PDB file of all heavy atoms in Angstrom:
ATOM      1  N   GLU A   1    -214.873-178.806-200.173  1.00  0.00           N
ATOM      2  CA  GLU A   1    -213.884-178.686-199.103  1.00  0.00           C
ATOM      3  C   GLU A   1    -212.581-178.223-199.821  1.00  0.00           C
ATOM      4  O   GLU A   1    -211.940-177.354-199.253  1.00  0.00           O
ATOM      5  CB  GLU A   1    -213.685-180.095-198.424  1.00  0.00           C
ATOM      6  CG  GLU A   1    -212.744-179.964-197.263  1.00  0.00           C
ATOM      7  CD  GLU A   1    -212.589-181.319-196.565  1.00  0.00           C
ATOM      8  OE1 GLU A   1    -213.368-182.282-196.903  1.00  0.00           O
ATOM      9  OE2 GLU A   1    -211.694-181.378-195.670  1.00  0.00           O
ATOM     10  N   VAL A   2    -212.106-178.736-200.876  1.00  0.00           N
ATOM     11  CA  VAL A   2    -210.887-178.372-201.531  1.00  0.00           C
ATOM     12  C   VAL A   2    -210.932-176.963-202.010  1.00  0.00           C
ATOM     13  O   VAL A   2    -210.023-176.093-201.820  1.00  0.00           O
ATOM     14  CB  VAL A   2    -210.543-179.352-202.702  1.00  0.00           C
ATOM     15  CG1 VAL A   2    -209.444-178.869-203.506  1.00  0.00           C
ATOM     16  CG2 VAL A   2    -210.241-180.663-202.139  1.00  0.00           C
ATOM     17  N   LEU A   3    -212.111-176.617-202.619  1.00  0.00           N
ATOM     18  CA  LEU A   3    -212.276-175.258-203.135  1.00  0.00           C
ATOM     19  C   LEU A   3    -212.353-174.237-202.045  1.00  0.00           C
ATOM     20  O   LEU A   3    -211.718-173.154-202.190  1.00  0.00           O
ATOM     21  CB  LEU A   3    -213.578-175.214-203.998  1.00  0.00           C
ATOM     22  CG  LEU A   3    -213.525-175.809-205.364  1.00  0.00           C
ATOM     23  CD1 LEU A   3    -214.888-176.037-205.947  1.00  0.00           C
ATOM     24  CD2 LEU A   3    -212.588-175.052-206.276  1.00  0.00           C
ATOM     25  N   SER A   4    -212.945-174.654-200.966  1.00  0.00           N
ATOM     26  CA  SER A   4    -213.014-173.733-199.832  1.00  0.00           C
ATOM     27  C   SER A   4    -211.569-173.396-199.322  1.00  0.00           C
ATOM     28  O   SER A   4    -211.274-172.182-198.987  1.00  0.00           O
ATOM     29  CB  SER A   4    -213.836-174.233-198.754  1.00  0.00           C
ATOM     30  OG  SER A   4    -213.806-173.378-197.581  1.00  0.00           O
ATOM     31  N   GLY A   5    -210.741-174.375-199.187  1.00  0.00           N
ATOM     32  CA  GLY A   5    -209.367-174.211-198.768  1.00  0.00           C
ATOM     33  C   GLY A   5    -208.569-173.298-199.739  1.00  0.00           C
ATOM     34  O   GLY A   5    -207.783-172.482-199.293  1.00  0.00           O
ATOM     35  N   VAL A   6    -208.793-173.498-201.053  1.00  0.00           N
ATOM     36  CA  VAL A   6    -207.952-172.739-202.025  1.00  0.00           C
ATOM     37  C   VAL A   6    -208.483-171.313-202.067  1.00  0.00           C
ATOM     38  O   VAL A   6    -207.742-170.352-202.045  1.00  0.00           O
ATOM     39  CB  VAL A   6    -208.028-173.405-203.401  1.00  0.00           C
ATOM     40  CG1 VAL A   6    -207.520-172.537-204.499  1.00  0.00           C
ATOM     41  CG2 VAL A   6    -207.286-174.700-203.353  1.00  0.00           C
ATOM     42  N   LEU A   7    -209.713-171.113-202.243  1.00  0.00           N
ATOM     43  CA  LEU A   7    -210.411-169.783-202.420  1.00  0.00           C
ATOM     44  C   LEU A   7    -210.448-168.977-201.129  1.00  0.00           C
ATOM     45  O   LEU A   7    -210.537-167.739-201.234  1.00  0.00           O
ATOM     46  CB  LEU A   7    -211.861-169.919-202.951  1.00  0.00           C
ATOM     47  CG  LEU A   7    -211.876-170.658-204.333  1.00  0.00           C
ATOM     48  CD1 LEU A   7    -213.339-170.793-204.692  1.00  0.00           C
ATOM     49  CD2 LEU A   7    -211.107-169.951-205.319  1.00  0.00           C
ATOM     50  N   GLY A   8    -210.407-169.589-200.001  1.00  0.00           N
ATOM     51  CA  GLY A   8    -210.433-168.747-198.706  1.00  0.00           C
ATOM     52  C   GLY A   8    -211.677-167.880-198.659  1.00  0.00           C
ATOM     53  O   GLY A   8    -212.857-168.447-198.839  1.00  0.00           O
ATOM     54  N   ASN A   9    -211.621-166.664-198.398  1.00  0.00           N
ATOM     55  CA  ASN A   9    -212.784-165.804-198.185  1.00  0.00           C
ATOM     56  C   ASN A   9    -213.569-165.734-199.409  1.00  0.00           C
ATOM     57  O   ASN A   9    -214.796-165.370-199.390  1.00  0.00           O
ATOM     58  CB  ASN A   9    -212.337-164.426-197.722  1.00  0.00           C
ATOM     59  CG  ASN A   9    -211.768-164.487-196.282  1.00  0.00           C
ATOM     60  OD1 ASN A   9    -212.128-165.345-195.560  1.00  0.00           O
ATOM     61  ND2 ASN A   9    -210.940-163.495-195.979  1.00  0.00           N
ATOM     62  N   SER A  10    -212.993-165.857-200.582  1.00  0.00           N
ATOM     63  CA  SER A  10    -213.799-165.672-201.834  1.00  0.00           C
ATOM     64  C   SER A  10    -214.650-166.949-202.150  1.00  0.00           C
ATOM     65  O   SER A  10    -215.512-166.918-203.128  1.00  0.00           O
ATOM     66  CB  SER A  10    -212.813-165.474-203.074  1.00  0.00           C
ATOM     67  OG  SER A  10    -212.089-166.665-203.329  1.00  0.00           O
ATOM     68  N   TYR A  11    -214.576-168.044-201.280  1.00  0.00           N
ATOM     69  CA  TYR A  11    -215.416-169.071-201.469  1.00  0.00           C
ATOM     70  C   TYR A  11    -216.909-168.771-201.321  1.00  0.00           C
ATOM     71  O   TYR A  11    -217.700-169.394-202.095  1.00  0.00           O
ATOM     72  CB  TYR A  11    -214.996-170.209-200.448  1.00  0.00           C
ATOM     73  CG  TYR A  11    -215.846-171.529-200.583  1.00  0.00           C
ATOM     74  CD1 TYR A  11    -215.635-172.292-201.602  1.00  0.00           C
ATOM     75  CD2 TYR A  11    -216.870-171.773-199.642  1.00  0.00           C
ATOM     76  CE1 TYR A  11    -216.449-173.472-201.862  1.00  0.00           C
ATOM     77  CE2 TYR A  11    -217.568-172.946-199.736  1.00  0.00           C
ATOM     78  CZ  TYR A  11    -217.446-173.792-200.877  1.00  0.00           C
ATOM     79  OH  TYR A  11    -218.143-174.997-201.070  1.00  0.00           O
ATOM     80  N   VAL A  12    -217.199-167.844-200.548  1.00  0.00           N
ATOM     81  CA  VAL A  12    -218.610-167.404-200.424  1.00  0.00           C
ATOM     82  C   VAL A  12    -219.066-166.791-201.761  1.00  0.00           C
ATOM     83  O   VAL A  12    -220.306-167.112-202.176  1.00  0.00           O
ATOM     84  CB  VAL A  12    -218.788-166.260-199.340  1.00  0.00           C
ATOM     85  CG1 VAL A  12    -220.066-165.628-199.322  1.00  0.00           C
ATOM     86  CG2 VAL A  12    -218.298-166.814-197.951  1.00  0.00           C
ATOM     87  N   ALA A  13    -218.256-166.099-202.476  1.00  0.00           N
ATOM     88  CA  ALA A  13    -218.658-165.520-203.766  1.00  0.00           C
ATOM     89  C   ALA A  13    -218.758-166.688-204.821  1.00  0.00           C
ATOM     90  O   ALA A  13    -219.709-166.649-205.563  1.00  0.00           O
ATOM     91  CB  ALA A  13    -217.569-164.525-204.228  1.00  0.00           C
ATOM     92  N   TYR A  14    -217.940-167.673-204.708  1.00  0.00           N
ATOM     93  CA  TYR A  14    -217.999-168.828-205.599  1.00  0.00           C
ATOM     94  C   TYR A  14    -219.364-169.534-205.468  1.00  0.00           C
ATOM     95  O   TYR A  14    -220.040-169.863-206.372  1.00  0.00           O
ATOM     96  CB  TYR A  14    -216.869-169.769-205.383  1.00  0.00           C
ATOM     97  CG  TYR A  14    -216.948-171.102-205.987  1.00  0.00           C
ATOM     98  CD1 TYR A  14    -216.665-171.273-207.449  1.00  0.00           C
ATOM     99  CD2 TYR A  14    -217.377-172.232-205.302  1.00  0.00           C
ATOM    100  CE1 TYR A  14    -216.762-172.406-208.045  1.00  0.00           C
ATOM    101  CE2 TYR A  14    -217.589-173.503-206.034  1.00  0.00           C
ATOM    102  CZ  TYR A  14    -217.170-173.525-207.329  1.00  0.00           C
ATOM    103  OH  TYR A  14    -217.432-174.734-207.985  1.00  0.00           O
ATOM    104  N   VAL A  15    -219.628-169.820-204.159  1.00  0.00           N
ATOM    105  CA  VAL A  15    -221.003-170.532-203.835  1.00  0.00           C
ATOM    106  C   VAL A  15    -222.096-169.667-204.332  1.00  0.00           C
ATOM    107  O   VAL A  15    -223.116-170.189-205.018  1.00  0.00           O
ATOM    108  CB  VAL A  15    -221.156-170.823-202.405  1.00  0.00           C
ATOM    109  CG1 VAL A  15    -222.518-171.353-202.026  1.00  0.00           C
ATOM    110  CG2 VAL A  15    -219.997-171.837-201.904  1.00  0.00           C
ATOM    111  N   GLN A  16    -222.113-168.333-204.096  1.00  0.00           N
ATOM    112  CA  GLN A  16    -223.269-167.526-204.554  1.00  0.00           C
ATOM    113  C   GLN A  16    -223.281-167.569-206.009  1.00  0.00           C
ATOM    114  O   GLN A  16    -224.442-167.675-206.637  1.00  0.00           O
ATOM    115  CB  GLN A  16    -222.976-166.107-204.057  1.00  0.00           C
ATOM    116  CG  GLN A  16    -224.108-165.168-204.469  1.00  0.00           C
ATOM    117  CD  GLN A  16    -223.972-163.721-204.027  1.00  0.00           C
ATOM    118  OE1 GLN A  16    -223.437-163.510-202.863  1.00  0.00           O
ATOM    119  NE2 GLN A  16    -224.403-162.768-204.849  1.00  0.00           N
ATOM    120  N   LEU A  17    -222.205-167.487-206.765  1.00  0.00           N
ATOM    121  CA  LEU A  17    -222.174-167.513-208.246  1.00  0.00           C
ATOM    122  C   LEU A  17    -222.747-168.907-208.746  1.00  0.00           C
ATOM    123  O   LEU A  17    -223.674-168.881-209.541  1.00  0.00           O
ATOM    124  CB  LEU A  17    -220.768-167.390-208.801  1.00  0.00           C
ATOM    125  CG  LEU A  17    -220.725-167.483-210.361  1.00  0.00           C
ATOM    126  CD1 LEU A  17    -221.407-166.410-210.998  1.00  0.00           C
ATOM    127  CD2 LEU A  17    -219.198-167.470-210.717  1.00  0.00           C
ATOM    128  N   MET A  18    -222.276-169.940-208.134  1.00  0.00           N
ATOM    129  CA  MET A  18    -222.782-171.314-208.535  1.00  0.00           C
ATOM    130  C   MET A  18    -224.284-171.440-208.376  1.00  0.00           C
ATOM    131  O   MET A  18    -224.947-172.002-209.179  1.00  0.00           O
ATOM    132  CB  MET A  18    -221.971-172.443-207.891  1.00  0.00           C
ATOM    133  CG  MET A  18    -220.570-172.586-208.425  1.00  0.00           C
ATOM    134  SD  MET A  18    -220.593-172.954-210.137  1.00  0.00           S
ATOM    135  CE  MET A  18    -219.042-172.276-210.679  1.00  0.00           C
ATOM    136  N   ASN A  19    -224.749-171.045-207.138  1.00  0.00           N
ATOM    137  CA  ASN A  19    -226.244-171.116-206.864  1.00  0.00           C
ATOM    138  C   ASN A  19    -227.001-170.350-207.819  1.00  0.00           C
ATOM    139  O   ASN A  19    -228.066-170.646-208.310  1.00  0.00           O
ATOM    140  CB  ASN A  19    -226.461-170.662-205.453  1.00  0.00           C
ATOM    141  CG  ASN A  19    -226.027-171.663-204.352  1.00  0.00           C
ATOM    142  OD1 ASN A  19    -225.719-172.914-204.716  1.00  0.00           O
ATOM    143  ND2 ASN A  19    -225.783-171.233-203.193  1.00  0.00           N
ATOM    144  N   THR A  20    -226.425-169.078-208.184  1.00  0.00           N
ATOM    145  CA  THR A  20    -227.178-168.237-209.139  1.00  0.00           C
ATOM    146  C   THR A  20    -227.327-168.770-210.559  1.00  0.00           C
ATOM    147  O   THR A  20    -228.324-168.857-211.101  1.00  0.00           O
ATOM    148  CB  THR A  20    -226.552-166.819-209.124  1.00  0.00           C
ATOM    149  OG1 THR A  20    -226.654-166.328-207.824  1.00  0.00           O
ATOM    150  CG2 THR A  20    -227.330-165.865-210.023  1.00  0.00           C
ATOM    151  N   ILE A  21    -226.106-169.094-211.077  1.00  0.00           N
ATOM    152  CA  ILE A  21    -226.145-169.528-212.480  1.00  0.00           C
ATOM    153  C   ILE A  21    -226.717-170.907-212.774  1.00  0.00           C
ATOM    154  O   ILE A  21    -227.069-171.168-213.823  1.00  0.00           O
ATOM    155  CB  ILE A  21    -224.647-169.510-213.027  1.00  0.00           C
ATOM    156  CG1 ILE A  21    -223.764-170.606-212.429  1.00  0.00           C
ATOM    157  CG2 ILE A  21    -224.054-168.153-213.023  1.00  0.00           C
ATOM    158  CD1 ILE A  21    -222.378-170.770-213.037  1.00  0.00           C
ATOM    159  N   THR A  22    -226.770-171.794-211.661  1.00  0.00           N
ATOM    160  CA  THR A  22    -227.515-173.028-211.881  1.00  0.00           C
ATOM    161  C   THR A  22    -229.010-173.088-211.680  1.00  0.00           C
ATOM    162  O   THR A  22    -229.665-173.957-211.869  1.00  0.00           O
ATOM    163  CB  THR A  22    -226.814-174.101-211.097  1.00  0.00           C
ATOM    164  OG1 THR A  22    -226.882-173.783-209.661  1.00  0.00           O
ATOM    165  CG2 THR A  22    -225.341-174.358-211.454  1.00  0.00           C
ATOM    166  N   GLY A  23    -229.400-171.809-211.199  1.00  0.00           N
ATOM    167  CA  GLY A  23    -230.847-171.646-210.922  1.00  0.00           C
ATOM    168  C   GLY A  23    -231.676-171.441-212.208  1.00  0.00           C
ATOM    169  O   GLY A  23    -231.169-171.499-213.355  1.00  0.00           O
ATOM    170  N   GLU A  24    -232.974-171.295-211.994  1.00  0.00           N
ATOM    171  CA  GLU A  24    -233.951-171.200-213.101  1.00  0.00           C
ATOM    172  C   GLU A  24    -233.658-170.001-214.091  1.00  0.00           C
ATOM    173  O   GLU A  24    -233.974-170.145-215.212  1.00  0.00           O
ATOM    174  CB  GLU A  24    -235.444-171.199-212.492  1.00  0.00           C
ATOM    175  CG  GLU A  24    -235.873-172.421-212.078  1.00  0.00           C
ATOM    176  CD  GLU A  24    -237.333-172.310-211.677  1.00  0.00           C
ATOM    177  OE1 GLU A  24    -238.106-171.561-212.266  1.00  0.00           O
ATOM    178  OE2 GLU A  24    -237.744-173.035-210.723  1.00  0.00           O
ATOM    179  N   LYS A  25    -233.140-168.947-213.520  1.00  0.00           N
ATOM    180  CA  LYS A  25    -232.909-167.757-214.479  1.00  0.00           C
ATOM    181  C   LYS A  25    -231.928-168.031-215.498  1.00  0.00           C
ATOM    182  O   LYS A  25    -232.000-167.616-216.632  1.00  0.00           O
ATOM    183  CB  LYS A  25    -232.600-166.587-213.544  1.00  0.00           C
ATOM    184  CG  LYS A  25    -232.364-165.339-214.465  1.00  0.00           C
ATOM    185  CD  LYS A  25    -232.137-164.017-213.664  1.00  0.00           C
ATOM    186  CE  LYS A  25    -232.022-162.909-214.565  1.00  0.00           C
ATOM    187  NZ  LYS A  25    -231.728-161.683-213.823  1.00  0.00           N
ATOM    188  N   TYR A  26    -230.814-168.697-215.075  1.00  0.00           N
ATOM    189  CA  TYR A  26    -229.655-168.842-216.080  1.00  0.00           C
ATOM    190  C   TYR A  26    -229.557-170.270-216.622  1.00  0.00           C
ATOM    191  O   TYR A  26    -229.067-170.414-217.735  1.00  0.00           O
ATOM    192  CB  TYR A  26    -228.436-168.447-215.350  1.00  0.00           C
ATOM    193  CG  TYR A  26    -228.283-167.015-214.991  1.00  0.00           C
ATOM    194  CD1 TYR A  26    -228.689-166.523-213.709  1.00  0.00           C
ATOM    195  CD2 TYR A  26    -227.890-166.081-215.877  1.00  0.00           C
ATOM    196  CE1 TYR A  26    -228.594-165.218-213.414  1.00  0.00           C
ATOM    197  CE2 TYR A  26    -227.867-164.768-215.706  1.00  0.00           C
ATOM    198  CZ  TYR A  26    -228.272-164.332-214.369  1.00  0.00           C
ATOM    199  OH  TYR A  26    -228.212-162.963-214.043  1.00  0.00           O
ATOM    200  N   LEU A  27    -229.907-171.289-215.857  1.00  0.00           N
ATOM    201  CA  LEU A  27    -229.846-172.714-216.354  1.00  0.00           C
ATOM    202  C   LEU A  27    -228.476-173.060-216.817  1.00  0.00           C
ATOM    203  O   LEU A  27    -228.402-173.847-217.891  1.00  0.00           O
ATOM    204  CB  LEU A  27    -230.909-172.935-217.391  1.00  0.00           C
ATOM    205  CG  LEU A  27    -232.248-172.710-216.917  1.00  0.00           C
ATOM    206  CD1 LEU A  27    -233.302-172.764-218.129  1.00  0.00           C
ATOM    207  CD2 LEU A  27    -232.760-173.607-215.896  1.00  0.00           C
ATOM    208  N   LEU A  28    -227.300-172.607-216.281  1.00  0.00           N
ATOM    209  CA  LEU A  28    -226.022-173.023-216.692  1.00  0.00           C
ATOM    210  C   LEU A  28    -225.541-174.233-216.001  1.00  0.00           C
ATOM    211  O   LEU A  28    -226.048-174.639-214.938  1.00  0.00           O
ATOM    212  CB  LEU A  28    -224.998-171.886-216.409  1.00  0.00           C
ATOM    213  CG  LEU A  28    -225.285-170.494-217.009  1.00  0.00           C
ATOM    214  CD1 LEU A  28    -224.187-169.534-216.829  1.00  0.00           C
ATOM    215  CD2 LEU A  28    -225.557-170.587-218.523  1.00  0.00           C
ATOM    216  N   VAL A  29    -224.641-174.976-216.679  1.00  0.00           N
ATOM    217  CA  VAL A  29    -224.171-176.263-216.183  1.00  0.00           C
ATOM    218  C   VAL A  29    -222.700-176.188-215.990  1.00  0.00           C
ATOM    219  O   VAL A  29    -221.967-176.145-217.013  1.00  0.00           O
ATOM    220  CB  VAL A  29    -224.579-177.407-217.107  1.00  0.00           C
ATOM    221  CG1 VAL A  29    -223.962-178.706-216.557  1.00  0.00           C
ATOM    222  CG2 VAL A  29    -226.066-177.512-217.305  1.00  0.00           C
ATOM    223  N   PRO A  30    -222.274-176.170-214.740  1.00  0.00           N
ATOM    224  CA  PRO A  30    -220.691-176.153-214.535  1.00  0.00           C
ATOM    225  C   PRO A  30    -220.237-177.528-214.296  1.00  0.00           C
ATOM    226  O   PRO A  30    -220.883-178.399-213.764  1.00  0.00           O
ATOM    227  CB  PRO A  30    -220.572-175.381-213.110  1.00  0.00           C
ATOM    228  CG  PRO A  30    -221.886-175.754-212.422  1.00  0.00           C
ATOM    229  CD  PRO A  30    -222.968-175.960-213.477  1.00  0.00           C
TER     230      PRO A  30
END
């Protein structure tokens, strides 16, 4: 909720990035 408020329209890109990098292909931990 806080990130959505700060990032505005770019929150969609943030969510997409987090979903991608934490998935099986990348296995990153934020």
